[in-house]
PDB file of N, CA and C in Angstrom:
ATOM      1  N   MET A   1     -84.138 -28.977 108.085  1.00  0.00           N
ATOM      2  CA  MET A   1     -85.087 -29.032 106.963  1.00  0.00           C
ATOM      3  C   MET A   1     -84.529 -29.486 105.770  1.00  0.00           C
ATOM      4  N   VAL A   2     -85.071 -30.705 105.173  1.00  0.00           N
ATOM      5  CA  VAL A   2     -84.393 -31.128 103.848  1.00  0.00           C
ATOM      6  C   VAL A   2     -85.565 -31.156 102.789  1.00  0.00           C
ATOM      7  N   VAL A   3     -85.181 -30.564 101.683  1.00  0.00           N
ATOM      8  CA  VAL A   3     -86.107 -30.253 100.598  1.00  0.00           C
ATOM      9  C   VAL A   3     -85.695 -31.345  99.646  1.00  0.00           C
ATOM     10  N   THR A   4     -86.624 -32.490  99.268  1.00  0.00           N
ATOM     11  CA  THR A   4     -86.167 -33.395  98.426  1.00  0.00           C
ATOM     12  C   THR A   4     -86.934 -33.389  96.824  1.00  0.00           C
ATOM     13  N   ASN A   5     -88.056 -32.649  96.997  1.00  0.00           N
ATOM     14  CA  ASN A   5     -88.698 -32.600  95.649  1.00  0.00           C
ATOM     15  C   ASN A   5     -89.017 -31.056  95.353  1.00  0.00           C
ATOM     16  N   ARG A   6     -87.753 -30.625  94.635  1.00  0.00           N
ATOM     17  CA  ARG A   6     -87.871 -29.244  94.162  1.00  0.00           C
ATOM     18  C   ARG A   6     -88.381 -29.254  92.730  1.00  0.00           C
ATOM     19  N   ILE A   7     -89.071 -28.092  92.296  1.00  0.00           N
ATOM     20  CA  ILE A   7     -89.492 -27.717  91.019  1.00  0.00           C
ATOM     21  C   ILE A   7     -88.522 -27.865  90.127  1.00  0.00           C
ATOM     22  N   ASN A   8     -88.546 -28.313  88.942  1.00  0.00           N
ATOM     23  CA  ASN A   8     -87.682 -28.446  87.961  1.00  0.00           C
ATOM     24  C   ASN A   8     -87.970 -27.391  86.666  1.00  0.00           C
ATOM     25  N   VAL A   9     -87.349 -26.327  86.768  1.00  0.00           N
ATOM     26  CA  VAL A   9     -87.486 -25.175  85.974  1.00  0.00           C
ATOM     27  C   VAL A   9     -87.408 -25.664  84.625  1.00  0.00           C
ATOM     28  N   GLY A  10     -86.536 -26.447  84.366  1.00  0.00           N
ATOM     29  CA  GLY A  10     -85.985 -26.859  82.889  1.00  0.00           C
ATOM     30  C   GLY A  10     -87.315 -27.911  82.473  1.00  0.00           C
ATOM     31  N   VAL A  11     -87.736 -28.818  83.183  1.00  0.00           N
ATOM     32  CA  VAL A  11     -88.931 -29.339  82.749  1.00  0.00           C
ATOM     33  C   VAL A  11     -90.119 -28.345  82.460  1.00  0.00           C
ATOM     34  N   ALA A  12     -90.332 -27.569  83.236  1.00  0.00           N
ATOM     35  CA  ALA A  12     -91.577 -26.567  83.087  1.00  0.00           C
ATOM     36  C   ALA A  12     -91.165 -25.883  81.699  1.00  0.00           C
ATOM     37  N   SER A  13     -89.949 -25.569  81.468  1.00  0.00           N
ATOM     38  CA  SER A  13     -89.626 -24.711  80.280  1.00  0.00           C
ATOM     39  C   SER A  13     -89.804 -25.716  78.880  1.00  0.00           C
ATOM     40  N   SER A  14     -89.463 -26.929  79.126  1.00  0.00           N
ATOM     41  CA  SER A  14     -89.688 -27.945  78.055  1.00  0.00           C
ATOM     42  C   SER A  14     -91.037 -28.090  77.759  1.00  0.00           C
ATOM     43  N   GLN A  15     -91.930 -28.050  78.812  1.00  0.00           N
ATOM     44  CA  GLN A  15     -93.281 -28.080  78.528  1.00  0.00           C
ATOM     45  C   GLN A  15     -93.860 -26.875  77.995  1.00  0.00           C
ATOM     46  N   ALA A  16     -93.443 -25.797  78.477  1.00  0.00           N
ATOM     47  CA  ALA A  16     -93.925 -24.579  77.703  1.00  0.00           C
ATOM     48  C   ALA A  16     -93.587 -24.584  76.186  1.00  0.00           C
ATOM     49  N   ASN A  17     -92.315 -24.951  75.919  1.00  0.00           N
ATOM     50  CA  ASN A  17     -92.027 -25.138  74.603  1.00  0.00           C
ATOM     51  C   ASN A  17     -92.857 -25.943  73.753  1.00  0.00           C
ATOM     52  N   ARG A  18     -93.115 -27.065  74.345  1.00  0.00           N
ATOM     53  CA  ARG A  18     -94.142 -28.053  73.620  1.00  0.00           C
ATOM     54  C   ARG A  18     -95.483 -27.283  73.416  1.00  0.00           C
ATOM     55  N   LEU A  19     -95.947 -26.564  74.296  1.00  0.00           N
ATOM     56  CA  LEU A  19     -97.125 -25.699  74.218  1.00  0.00           C
ATOM     57  C   LEU A  19     -97.086 -24.873  73.105  1.00  0.00           C
ATOM     58  N   ASN A  20     -95.954 -24.230  73.065  1.00  0.00           N
ATOM     59  CA  ASN A  20     -95.679 -23.179  71.990  1.00  0.00           C
ATOM     60  C   ASN A  20     -95.455 -23.891  70.777  1.00  0.00           C
ATOM     61  N   THR A  21     -94.979 -24.861  70.476  1.00  0.00           N
ATOM     62  CA  THR A  21     -95.014 -25.683  69.316  1.00  0.00           C
ATOM     63  C   THR A  21     -96.498 -26.081  68.902  1.00  0.00           C
ATOM     64  N   LEU A  22     -97.157 -26.566  69.771  1.00  0.00           N
ATOM     65  CA  LEU A  22     -98.588 -26.890  69.465  1.00  0.00           C
ATOM     66  C   LEU A  22     -99.289 -25.599  68.805  1.00  0.00           C
ATOM     67  N   ALA A  23     -99.042 -24.507  69.603  1.00  0.00           N
ATOM     68  CA  ALA A  23     -99.869 -23.315  69.218  1.00  0.00           C
ATOM     69  C   ALA A  23     -99.263 -22.765  67.813  1.00  0.00           C
ATOM     70  N   SER A  24     -98.040 -23.079  67.403  1.00  0.00           N
ATOM     71  CA  SER A  24     -97.611 -22.685  66.098  1.00  0.00           C
ATOM     72  C   SER A  24     -98.152 -23.679  65.126  1.00  0.00           C
ATOM     73  N   GLN A  25     -98.336 -24.984  65.399  1.00  0.00           N
ATOM     74  CA  GLN A  25     -99.000 -25.988  64.384  1.00  0.00           C
ATOM     75  C   GLN A  25    -100.364 -25.516  64.366  1.00  0.00           C
ATOM     76  N   LEU A  26    -101.037 -25.180  65.463  1.00  0.00           N
ATOM     77  CA  LEU A  26    -102.568 -24.755  64.979  1.00  0.00           C
ATOM     78  C   LEU A  26    -102.550 -23.377  64.283  1.00  0.00           C
ATOM     79  N   LYS A  27    -101.595 -22.480  64.267  1.00  0.00           N
ATOM     80  CA  LYS A  27    -101.240 -21.469  63.388  1.00  0.00           C
ATOM     81  C   LYS A  27    -101.251 -21.738  62.064  1.00  0.00           C
ATOM     82  N   ASP A  28    -100.426 -22.754  61.676  1.00  0.00           N
ATOM     83  CA  ASP A  28    -100.156 -23.338  60.294  1.00  0.00           C
ATOM     84  C   ASP A  28    -101.465 -24.017  59.823  1.00  0.00           C
ATOM     85  N   LEU A  29    -102.144 -24.627  60.690  1.00  0.00           N
ATOM     86  CA  LEU A  29    -103.515 -25.291  60.363  1.00  0.00           C
ATOM     87  C   LEU A  29    -104.538 -24.312  59.912  1.00  0.00           C
ATOM     88  N   ASN A  30    -104.415 -23.178  60.620  1.00  0.00           N
ATOM     89  CA  ASN A  30    -105.378 -22.083  60.249  1.00  0.00           C
ATOM     90  C   ASN A  30    -105.135 -21.534  58.964  1.00  0.00           C
ATOM     91  N   LYS A  31    -103.763 -21.418  58.634  1.00  0.00           N
ATOM     92  CA  LYS A  31    -103.362 -20.850  57.259  1.00  0.00           C
ATOM     93  C   LYS A  31    -103.975 -21.839  56.228  1.00  0.00           C
ATOM     94  N   SER A  32    -103.795 -23.147  56.453  1.00  0.00           N
ATOM     95  CA  SER A  32    -104.301 -24.188  55.339  1.00  0.00           C
ATOM     96  C   SER A  32    -105.840 -23.995  55.388  1.00  0.00           C
ATOM     97  N   LEU A  33    -106.394 -23.817  56.407  1.00  0.00           N
ATOM     98  CA  LEU A  33    -107.849 -23.799  56.278  1.00  0.00           C
ATOM     99  C   LEU A  33    -108.217 -22.411  55.488  1.00  0.00           C
ATOM    100  N   GLU A  34    -107.562 -21.285  55.663  1.00  0.00           N
ATOM    101  CA  GLU A  34    -107.817 -20.187  55.105  1.00  0.00           C
ATOM    102  C   GLU A  34    -107.593 -20.282  53.554  1.00  0.00           C
ATOM    103  N   SER A  35    -106.462 -21.115  53.293  1.00  0.00           N
ATOM    104  CA  SER A  35    -106.163 -21.304  51.806  1.00  0.00           C
ATOM    105  C   SER A  35    -107.364 -22.209  51.148  1.00  0.00           C
ATOM    106  N   ILE A  36    -107.756 -23.111  51.720  1.00  0.00           N
ATOM    107  CA  ILE A  36    -108.990 -24.034  51.430  1.00  0.00           C
ATOM    108  C   ILE A  36    -110.210 -23.038  51.306  1.00  0.00           C
ATOM    109  N   LYS A  37    -110.415 -22.181  52.013  1.00  0.00           N
ATOM    110  CA  LYS A  37    -111.708 -21.317  52.032  1.00  0.00           C
ATOM    111  C   LYS A  37    -111.615 -20.305  50.759  1.00  0.00           C
ATOM    112  N   THR A  38    -110.314 -19.809  50.427  1.00  0.00           N
ATOM    113  CA  THR A  38    -110.037 -19.256  49.321  1.00  0.00           C
ATOM    114  C   THR A  38    -110.341 -19.849  48.108  1.00  0.00           C
ATOM    115  N   ASN A  39    -109.534 -21.068  48.077  1.00  0.00           N
ATOM    116  CA  ASN A  39    -109.825 -21.862  46.840  1.00  0.00           C
ATOM    117  C   ASN A  39    -111.262 -22.231  46.583  1.00  0.00           C
ATOM    118  N   LEU A  40    -112.050 -22.592  47.696  1.00  0.00           N
ATOM    119  CA  LEU A  40    -113.445 -23.018  47.410  1.00  0.00           C
ATOM    120  C   LEU A  40    -114.135 -21.682  46.827  1.00  0.00           C
ATOM    121  N   LYS A  41    -113.778 -20.536  47.430  1.00  0.00           N
ATOM    122  CA  LYS A  41    -114.562 -19.224  47.173  1.00  0.00           C
ATOM    123  C   LYS A  41    -114.501 -19.111  45.510  1.00  0.00           C
ATOM    124  N   HIS A  42    -113.140 -19.362  45.132  1.00  0.00           N
ATOM    125  CA  HIS A  42    -112.788 -18.887  43.865  1.00  0.00           C
ATOM    126  C   HIS A  42    -113.199 -20.025  42.822  1.00  0.00           C
ATOM    127  N   GLY A  43    -113.202 -21.382  43.201  1.00  0.00           N
ATOM    128  CA  GLY A  43    -113.371 -22.393  42.411  1.00  0.00           C
ATOM    129  C   GLY A  43    -114.886 -22.871  42.470  1.00  0.00           C
ATOM    130  N   TRP A  44    -115.636 -22.706  43.386  1.00  0.00           N
ATOM    131  CA  TRP A  44    -116.765 -23.280  43.521  1.00  0.00           C
ATOM    132  C   TRP A  44    -117.883 -22.161  43.773  1.00  0.00           C
ATOM    133  N   GLN A  45    -118.916 -22.053  42.769  1.00  0.00           N
ATOM    134  CA  GLN A  45    -119.905 -20.947  42.876  1.00  0.00           C
ATOM    135  C   GLN A  45    -121.257 -21.442  43.469  1.00  0.00           C
ATOM    136  N   ALA A  46    -121.452 -22.556  44.049  1.00  0.00           N
ATOM    137  CA  ALA A  46    -122.470 -22.990  44.653  1.00  0.00           C
ATOM    138  C   ALA A  46    -123.108 -22.254  45.935  1.00  0.00           C
ATOM    139  N   LYS A  47    -124.432 -22.249  46.038  1.00  0.00           N
ATOM    140  CA  LYS A  47    -124.888 -21.403  47.242  1.00  0.00           C
ATOM    141  C   LYS A  47    -124.293 -21.932  48.552  1.00  0.00           C
ATOM    142  N   GLU A  48    -123.987 -23.102  48.639  1.00  0.00           N
ATOM    143  CA  GLU A  48    -123.811 -23.626  50.024  1.00  0.00           C
ATOM    144  C   GLU A  48    -122.313 -23.082  50.417  1.00  0.00           C
ATOM    145  N   ILE A  49    -121.417 -22.661  49.540  1.00  0.00           N
ATOM    146  CA  ILE A  49    -120.117 -22.182  49.785  1.00  0.00           C
ATOM    147  C   ILE A  49    -120.140 -21.049  50.886  1.00  0.00           C
ATOM    148  N   THR A  50    -121.231 -20.308  50.820  1.00  0.00           N
ATOM    149  CA  THR A  50    -121.278 -19.226  51.867  1.00  0.00           C
ATOM    150  C   THR A  50    -121.356 -19.924  53.256  1.00  0.00           C
ATOM    151  N   TYR A  51    -122.147 -20.883  53.371  1.00  0.00           N
ATOM    152  CA  TYR A  51    -122.260 -21.805  54.594  1.00  0.00           C
ATOM    153  C   TYR A  51    -120.948 -22.400  54.957  1.00  0.00           C
ATOM    154  N   ILE A  52    -120.223 -22.983  53.951  1.00  0.00           N
ATOM    155  CA  ILE A  52    -119.028 -23.635  54.185  1.00  0.00           C
ATOM    156  C   ILE A  52    -117.968 -22.582  54.537  1.00  0.00           C
ATOM    157  N   ASN A  53    -117.952 -21.469  53.997  1.00  0.00           N
ATOM    158  CA  ASN A  53    -116.985 -20.411  54.365  1.00  0.00           C
ATOM    159  C   ASN A  53    -117.236 -20.007  55.727  1.00  0.00           C
ATOM    160  N   ASN A  54    -118.395 -19.797  56.103  1.00  0.00           N
ATOM    161  CA  ASN A  54    -118.867 -19.274  57.444  1.00  0.00           C
ATOM    162  C   ASN A  54    -118.303 -20.318  58.494  1.00  0.00           C
ATOM    163  N   ALA A  55    -118.503 -21.674  58.117  1.00  0.00           N
ATOM    164  CA  ALA A  55    -118.089 -22.630  59.101  1.00  0.00           C
ATOM    165  C   ALA A  55    -116.494 -22.753  59.233  1.00  0.00           C
ATOM    166  N   ILE A  56    -115.850 -22.481  58.065  1.00  0.00           N
ATOM    167  CA  ILE A  56    -114.275 -22.397  58.199  1.00  0.00           C
ATOM    168  C   ILE A  56    -113.972 -21.285  58.866  1.00  0.00           C
ATOM    169  N   ALA A  57    -114.669 -20.156  58.729  1.00  0.00           N
ATOM    170  CA  ALA A  57    -114.154 -18.826  59.375  1.00  0.00           C
ATOM    171  C   ALA A  57    -114.485 -19.036  61.063  1.00  0.00           C
ATOM    172  N   SER A  58    -115.654 -19.778  61.258  1.00  0.00           N
ATOM    173  CA  SER A  58    -115.828 -20.022  62.795  1.00  0.00           C
ATOM    174  C   SER A  58    -114.878 -20.973  63.342  1.00  0.00           C
ATOM    175  N   ILE A  59    -114.407 -21.872  62.614  1.00  0.00           N
ATOM    176  CA  ILE A  59    -113.183 -22.860  63.029  1.00  0.00           C
ATOM    177  C   ILE A  59    -111.927 -22.062  63.107  1.00  0.00           C
ATOM    178  N   THR A  60    -111.623 -21.365  62.125  1.00  0.00           N
ATOM    179  CA  THR A  60    -110.299 -20.489  62.220  1.00  0.00           C
ATOM    180  C   THR A  60    -110.346 -19.695  63.493  1.00  0.00           C
ATOM    181  N   LYS A  61    -111.213 -19.012  63.638  1.00  0.00           N
ATOM    182  CA  LYS A  61    -111.534 -18.125  64.951  1.00  0.00           C
ATOM    183  C   LYS A  61    -111.316 -18.788  66.167  1.00  0.00           C
ATOM    184  N   GLU A  62    -111.819 -20.100  66.249  1.00  0.00           N
ATOM    185  CA  GLU A  62    -111.596 -20.805  67.547  1.00  0.00           C
ATOM    186  C   GLU A  62    -110.201 -21.356  67.545  1.00  0.00           C
ATOM    187  N   ILE A  63    -109.617 -21.919  66.358  1.00  0.00           N
ATOM    188  CA  ILE A  63    -108.334 -22.207  66.426  1.00  0.00           C
ATOM    189  C   ILE A  63    -107.270 -21.137  66.945  1.00  0.00           C
ATOM    190  N   HIS A  64    -107.601 -19.857  66.432  1.00  0.00           N
ATOM    191  CA  HIS A  64    -106.779 -18.728  66.786  1.00  0.00           C
ATOM    192  C   HIS A  64    -106.831 -18.546  68.252  1.00  0.00           C
ATOM    193  N   SER A  65    -108.080 -18.616  68.665  1.00  0.00           N
ATOM    194  CA  SER A  65    -108.202 -18.512  70.211  1.00  0.00           C
ATOM    195  C   SER A  65    -107.513 -19.634  70.981  1.00  0.00           C
ATOM    196  N   LEU A  66    -107.435 -20.910  70.619  1.00  0.00           N
ATOM    197  CA  LEU A  66    -106.872 -21.904  71.211  1.00  0.00           C
ATOM    198  C   LEU A  66    -105.299 -21.740  71.141  1.00  0.00           C
ATOM    199  N   SER A  67    -104.865 -21.243  70.042  1.00  0.00           N
ATOM    200  CA  SER A  67    -103.500 -21.129  69.738  1.00  0.00           C
ATOM    201  C   SER A  67    -102.931 -19.799  70.784  1.00  0.00           C
ATOM    202  N   SER A  68    -103.818 -18.953  70.854  1.00  0.00           N
ATOM    203  CA  SER A  68    -103.228 -17.806  71.817  1.00  0.00           C
ATOM    204  C   SER A  68    -103.398 -18.372  73.285  1.00  0.00           C
ATOM    205  N   GLU A  69    -104.257 -19.043  73.624  1.00  0.00           N
ATOM    206  CA  GLU A  69    -104.412 -19.653  74.946  1.00  0.00           C
ATOM    207  C   GLU A  69    -103.341 -20.547  75.194  1.00  0.00           C
ATOM    208  N   LEU A  70    -102.934 -21.426  74.426  1.00  0.00           N
ATOM    209  CA  LEU A  70    -101.640 -22.305  74.516  1.00  0.00           C
ATOM    210  C   LEU A  70    -100.334 -21.518  74.834  1.00  0.00           C
ATOM    211  N   ASN A  71    -100.230 -20.391  73.867  1.00  0.00           N
ATOM    212  CA  ASN A  71     -99.046 -19.364  74.231  1.00  0.00           C
ATOM    213  C   ASN A  71     -98.992 -18.965  75.660  1.00  0.00           C
ATOM    214  N   SER A  72    -100.160 -18.547  75.998  1.00  0.00           N
ATOM    215  CA  SER A  72    -100.477 -17.784  77.428  1.00  0.00           C
ATOM    216  C   SER A  72    -100.172 -18.832  78.503  1.00  0.00           C
ATOM    217  N   ILE A  73    -100.597 -20.040  78.314  1.00  0.00           N
ATOM    218  CA  ILE A  73    -100.444 -21.170  79.230  1.00  0.00           C
ATOM    219  C   ILE A  73     -98.855 -21.532  79.432  1.00  0.00           C
ATOM    220  N   GLY A  74     -98.291 -21.541  78.227  1.00  0.00           N
ATOM    221  CA  GLY A  74     -96.817 -21.748  78.132  1.00  0.00           C
ATOM    222  C   GLY A  74     -96.095 -20.689  79.016  1.00  0.00           C
ATOM    223  N   SER A  75     -96.366 -19.503  78.752  1.00  0.00           N
ATOM    224  CA  SER A  75     -95.770 -18.561  79.408  1.00  0.00           C
ATOM    225  C   SER A  75     -95.906 -18.497  81.094  1.00  0.00           C
ATOM    226  N   ASP A  76     -97.252 -18.834  81.195  1.00  0.00           N
ATOM    227  CA  ASP A  76     -97.715 -18.941  82.637  1.00  0.00           C
ATOM    228  C   ASP A  76     -96.792 -20.107  83.349  1.00  0.00           C
ATOM    229  N   VAL A  77     -96.664 -21.054  82.665  1.00  0.00           N
ATOM    230  CA  VAL A  77     -96.125 -22.487  83.239  1.00  0.00           C
ATOM    231  C   VAL A  77     -94.594 -22.003  83.586  1.00  0.00           C
ATOM    232  N   VAL A  78     -93.817 -21.305  82.833  1.00  0.00           N
ATOM    233  CA  VAL A  78     -92.471 -20.929  83.182  1.00  0.00           C
ATOM    234  C   VAL A  78     -92.474 -19.857  84.227  1.00  0.00           C
ATOM    235  N   SER A  79     -93.364 -18.955  84.332  1.00  0.00           N
ATOM    236  CA  SER A  79     -93.345 -17.930  85.309  1.00  0.00           C
ATOM    237  C   SER A  79     -93.736 -18.534  86.521  1.00  0.00           C
ATOM    238  N   VAL A  80     -94.734 -19.338  86.618  1.00  0.00           N
ATOM    239  CA  VAL A  80     -94.956 -20.024  87.978  1.00  0.00           C
ATOM    240  C   VAL A  80     -93.807 -20.852  88.457  1.00  0.00           C
ATOM    241  N   ALA A  81     -93.134 -21.556  87.456  1.00  0.00           N
ATOM    242  CA  ALA A  81     -92.263 -22.537  87.921  1.00  0.00           C
ATOM    243  C   ALA A  81     -91.025 -21.753  88.480  1.00  0.00           C
ATOM    244  N   LEU A  82     -90.723 -20.577  87.964  1.00  0.00           N
ATOM    245  CA  LEU A  82     -89.682 -19.735  88.461  1.00  0.00           C
ATOM    246  C   LEU A  82     -89.969 -19.133  89.880  1.00  0.00           C
ATOM    247  N   GLU A  83     -91.266 -18.828  89.676  1.00  0.00           N
ATOM    248  CA  GLU A  83     -91.729 -18.029  91.291  1.00  0.00           C
ATOM    249  C   GLU A  83     -91.490 -19.238  92.261  1.00  0.00           C
ATOM    250  N   ILE A  84     -92.118 -20.478  92.039  1.00  0.00           N
ATOM    251  CA  ILE A  84     -92.034 -21.365  92.911  1.00  0.00           C
ATOM    252  C   ILE A  84     -90.504 -21.952  93.365  1.00  0.00           C
ATOM    253  N   SER A  85     -89.678 -21.959  92.293  1.00  0.00           N
ATOM    254  CA  SER A  85     -88.173 -22.245  92.328  1.00  0.00           C
ATOM    255  C   SER A  85     -87.589 -21.018  93.330  1.00  0.00           C
ATOM    256  N   ARG A  86     -88.069 -19.761  93.264  1.00  0.00           N
ATOM    257  CA  ARG A  86     -87.399 -18.675  94.051  1.00  0.00           C
ATOM    258  C   ARG A  86     -87.950 -19.000  95.673  1.00  0.00           C
ATOM    259  N   GLU A  87     -89.290 -19.371  95.676  1.00  0.00           N
ATOM    260  CA  GLU A  87     -89.730 -19.637  96.890  1.00  0.00           C
ATOM    261  C   GLU A  87     -89.081 -20.722  97.564  1.00  0.00           C
ATOM    262  N   GLU A  88     -88.912 -21.824  96.986  1.00  0.00           N
ATOM    263  CA  GLU A  88     -88.212 -22.969  97.534  1.00  0.00           C
ATOM    264  C   GLU A  88     -86.873 -22.521  97.963  1.00  0.00           C
ATOM    265  N   GLN A  89     -85.935 -21.896  97.141  1.00  0.00           N
ATOM    266  CA  GLN A  89     -84.704 -21.360  97.489  1.00  0.00           C
ATOM    267  C   GLN A  89     -84.537 -20.553  98.622  1.00  0.00           C
ATOM    268  N   ALA A  90     -85.852 -19.618  98.864  1.00  0.00           N
ATOM    269  CA  ALA A  90     -85.873 -18.697  99.886  1.00  0.00           C
ATOM    270  C   ALA A  90     -86.066 -19.582 101.253  1.00  0.00           C
ATOM    271  N   LYS A  91     -87.006 -20.604 101.188  1.00  0.00           N
ATOM    272  CA  LYS A  91     -87.076 -21.453 102.462  1.00  0.00           C
ATOM    273  C   LYS A  91     -85.802 -22.115 102.585  1.00  0.00           C
ATOM    274  N   ILE A  92     -85.079 -22.691 101.791  1.00  0.00           N
ATOM    275  CA  ILE A  92     -83.728 -23.311 101.922  1.00  0.00           C
ATOM    276  C   ILE A  92     -82.870 -22.439 102.596  1.00  0.00           C
ATOM    277  N   ASP A  93     -82.771 -21.123 102.037  1.00  0.00           N
ATOM    278  CA  ASP A  93     -81.863 -20.077 102.644  1.00  0.00           C
ATOM    279  C   ASP A  93     -82.276 -19.732 104.028  1.00  0.00           C
ATOM    280  N   GLN A  94     -83.447 -19.667 104.400  1.00  0.00           N
ATOM    281  CA  GLN A  94     -84.000 -19.430 105.751  1.00  0.00           C
ATOM    282  C   GLN A  94     -83.671 -20.470 106.511  1.00  0.00           C
ATOM    283  N   ALA A  95     -83.912 -21.741 106.271  1.00  0.00           N
ATOM    284  CA  ALA A  95     -83.613 -22.968 107.141  1.00  0.00           C
ATOM    285  C   ALA A  95     -82.071 -22.926 107.318  1.00  0.00           C
ATOM    286  N   LYS A  96     -81.174 -22.618 106.308  1.00  0.00           N
ATOM    287  CA  LYS A  96     -79.756 -22.615 106.596  1.00  0.00           C
ATOM    288  C   LYS A  96     -79.411 -21.619 107.652  1.00  0.00           C
ATOM    289  N   ARG A  97     -80.003 -20.373 107.393  1.00  0.00           N
ATOM    290  CA  ARG A  97     -79.850 -19.356 108.489  1.00  0.00           C
ATOM    291  C   ARG A  97     -80.213 -19.703 109.831  1.00  0.00           C
ATOM    292  N   GLU A  98     -81.408 -20.176 109.815  1.00  0.00           N
ATOM    293  CA  GLU A  98     -81.821 -20.718 111.266  1.00  0.00           C
ATOM    294  C   GLU A  98     -80.920 -21.979 111.786  1.00  0.00           C
ATOM    295  N   ALA A  99     -80.488 -22.872 111.025  1.00  0.00           N
ATOM    296  CA  ALA A  99     -79.553 -23.871 111.465  1.00  0.00           C
ATOM    297  C   ALA A  99     -78.224 -23.241 111.894  1.00  0.00           C
ATOM    298  N   GLU A 100     -77.713 -22.485 111.225  1.00  0.00           N
ATOM    299  CA  GLU A 100     -76.419 -21.778 111.590  1.00  0.00           C
ATOM    300  C   GLU A 100     -76.670 -20.954 112.877  1.00  0.00           C
ATOM    301  N   ALA A 101     -77.718 -20.276 113.097  1.00  0.00           N
ATOM    302  CA  ALA A 101     -78.087 -19.476 114.176  1.00  0.00           C
ATOM    303  C   ALA A 101     -78.101 -20.521 115.423  1.00  0.00           C
ATOM    304  N   ARG A 102     -78.720 -21.613 115.205  1.00  0.00           N
ATOM    305  CA  ARG A 102     -78.920 -22.457 116.530  1.00  0.00           C
ATOM    306  C   ARG A 102     -77.458 -23.149 116.708  1.00  0.00           C
ATOM    307  N   ALA A 103     -76.672 -23.322 115.802  1.00  0.00           N
ATOM    308  CA  ALA A 103     -75.264 -23.828 115.974  1.00  0.00           C
ATOM    309  C   ALA A 103     -74.520 -23.067 116.676  1.00  0.00           C
ATOM    310  N   LYS A 104     -74.540 -21.679 116.176  1.00  0.00           N
ATOM    311  CA  LYS A 104     -73.881 -20.573 116.899  1.00  0.00           C
ATOM    312  C   LYS A 104     -74.229 -20.500 118.437  1.00  0.00           C
ATOM    313  N   ALA A 105     -75.510 -20.501 118.859  1.00  0.00           N
ATOM    314  CA  ALA A 105     -76.066 -20.303 119.957  1.00  0.00           C
ATOM    315  C   ALA A 105     -75.466 -21.562 120.934  1.00  0.00           C
ATOM    316  N   LYS A 106     -75.623 -22.722 120.045  1.00  0.00           N
ATOM    317  CA  LYS A 106     -75.061 -24.108 121.032  1.00  0.00           C
ATOM    318  C   LYS A 106     -73.601 -23.799 121.256  1.00  0.00           C
ATOM    319  N   ALA A 107     -72.969 -23.466 120.146  1.00  0.00           N
ATOM    320  CA  ALA A 107     -71.438 -23.344 120.488  1.00  0.00           C
ATOM    321  C   ALA A 107     -71.162 -22.267 121.570  1.00  0.00           C
ATOM    322  N   GLU A 108     -71.846 -21.100 121.616  1.00  0.00           N
ATOM    323  CA  GLU A 108     -71.646 -20.142 122.729  1.00  0.00           C
ATOM    324  C   GLU A 108     -72.094 -20.626 124.026  1.00  0.00           C
ATOM    325  N   LYS A 109     -73.066 -21.516 124.150  1.00  0.00           N
ATOM    326  CA  LYS A 109     -73.407 -21.982 125.456  1.00  0.00           C
ATOM    327  C   LYS A 109     -72.438 -23.108 126.110  1.00  0.00           C
ATOM    328  N   GLY A 110     -71.828 -23.853 124.862  1.00  0.00           N
ATOM    329  CA  GLY A 110     -71.119 -24.816 125.434  1.00  0.00           C
ATOM    330  C   GLY A 110     -69.910 -25.313 125.473  1.00  0.00           C
TER     331      GLY A 110
END
């Protein structure tokens, strides 16, 4: 049994790091939106500000949710890659044991 396409845990980790970076950027965006919301609230007294602030609050809530989801996906990517890697290694080890057993049995017969 020859395994040619093994999962690359390093690539998976790199992808997870990219997802975590994107999540961090979303958090920074949220901080900026909160700052804008605060500035609008203090600097503008129009009736519409309530609607604008409600819209910003809704957007920041969605961004927070997306950021959390990206972090979770990043963690899952690494966990699954490690699990697959362990399974692949177990199959390789089993195939080696079987090949050694066949070789030993052949040598004993022959």
